Amino acid sequence: MDRGARLVFLGRLEDLAGMAELAVPTGPLEQVLAGLDRELAVALLDDRVRLALNGRLLAESGGIMLGAGDELAFLPPVSGG
């Protein structure tokens, strides 16, 4: 049985998503994002949003394949100074 993966939303992305995390099916990230609310998906794809797969920061978001038990965190840019 496929356990699926989890998307974790931090900061303003959590506010936009209305939740801290979301269980999603496994597969290519593009396919997973296509199943989300359009406004949320666009915000998650912003160039300034960093991604961390299973606790490791990724250099780029292309070609991400989510497997069973994976956790993909979306880290928005930090504001302030």
Protein backbone atom coordinates (compact mmCIF):
# COMPACT_ATOMS: atom_id res chain seq x y z
CA MET A 1 0.00 0.00 0.00
CA ASP A 2 1.33 3.45 -0.96
CA ARG A 3 1.81 5.56 2.17
CA GLY A 4 2.06 8.71 0.14
CA ALA A 5 4.20 11.74 0.87
CA ARG A 6 3.76 14.93 2.86
CA LEU A 7 4.06 18.57 1.88
CA VAL A 8 5.00 20.87 4.77
CA PHE A 9 4.18 24.58 4.56
CA LEU A 10 6.05 27.15 6.65
CA GLY A 11 5.45 30.84 7.36
CA ARG A 12 3.10 32.66 5.03
CA LEU A 13 2.73 29.50 2.93
CA GLU A 14 1.05 27.80 5.89
CA ASP A 15 -1.40 30.71 6.08
CA LEU A 16 -2.09 30.46 2.36
CA ALA A 17 -2.55 26.68 2.48
CA GLY A 18 -4.71 26.88 5.60
CA MET A 19 -2.72 24.02 7.15
CA ALA A 20 0.83 23.15 8.21
CA GLU A 21 1.05 19.97 6.16
CA LEU A 22 -0.81 17.97 3.56
CA ALA A 23 -0.72 14.29 2.67
CA VAL A 24 -0.32 13.82 -1.09
CA PRO A 25 0.12 10.88 -3.47
CA THR A 26 3.61 9.94 -4.58
CA GLY A 27 4.88 10.94 -8.01
CA PRO A 28 6.47 13.86 -9.83
CA LEU A 29 6.22 17.18 -7.97
CA GLU A 30 4.63 18.84 -11.00
CA GLN A 31 1.80 16.30 -10.91
CA VAL A 32 1.33 16.73 -7.14
CA LEU A 33 1.19 20.53 -7.45
CA ALA A 34 -1.31 20.27 -10.30
CA GLY A 35 -3.76 18.77 -7.81
CA LEU A 36 -3.52 21.75 -5.43
CA ASP A 37 -5.36 25.05 -5.39
CA ARG A 38 -3.93 27.16 -8.22
CA GLU A 39 -3.02 30.14 -5.99
CA LEU A 40 -1.15 27.88 -3.58
CA ALA A 41 0.67 26.03 -6.37
CA VAL A 42 1.82 29.33 -7.92
CA ALA A 43 3.10 30.55 -4.51
CA LEU A 44 4.97 27.27 -3.95
CA LEU A 45 6.71 27.61 -7.32
CA ASP A 46 7.98 31.14 -6.57
CA ASP A 47 11.73 31.36 -7.28
CA ARG A 48 12.37 32.66 -3.76
CA VAL A 49 10.78 29.63 -2.06
CA ARG A 50 13.40 27.08 -0.98
CA LEU A 51 12.63 23.37 -0.90
CA ALA A 52 13.86 20.77 1.55
CA LEU A 53 13.34 17.09 0.79
CA ASN A 54 13.55 14.90 3.89
CA GLY A 55 15.48 17.63 5.71
CA ARG A 56 17.99 18.41 2.93
CA LEU A 57 17.85 21.73 1.11
CA LEU A 58 17.59 21.33 -2.65
CA ALA A 59 19.50 23.47 -5.13
CA GLU A 60 16.64 23.35 -7.64
CA SER A 61 13.04 22.17 -7.82
CA GLY A 62 13.16 20.45 -11.21
CA GLY A 63 12.79 16.71 -11.46
CA ILE A 64 11.64 16.05 -7.88
CA MET A 65 9.98 12.65 -7.52
CA LEU A 66 8.12 12.13 -4.24
CA GLY A 67 8.23 8.61 -2.86
CA ALA A 68 6.37 6.90 -0.02
CA GLY A 69 7.17 8.54 3.29
CA ASP A 70 8.95 11.55 1.75
CA GLU A 71 8.52 14.99 3.30
CA LEU A 72 8.90 18.06 1.11
CA ALA A 73 9.05 21.34 3.01
CA PHE A 74 8.44 24.72 1.36
CA LEU A 75 10.45 27.51 3.01
CA PRO A 76 9.32 31.03 2.10
CA PRO A 77 11.79 33.91 1.98
CA VAL A 78 12.42 35.45 5.39
CA SER A 79 11.44 39.07 5.69
CA GLY A 80 12.83 41.60 8.09
CA GLY A 81 16.25 42.97 8.66
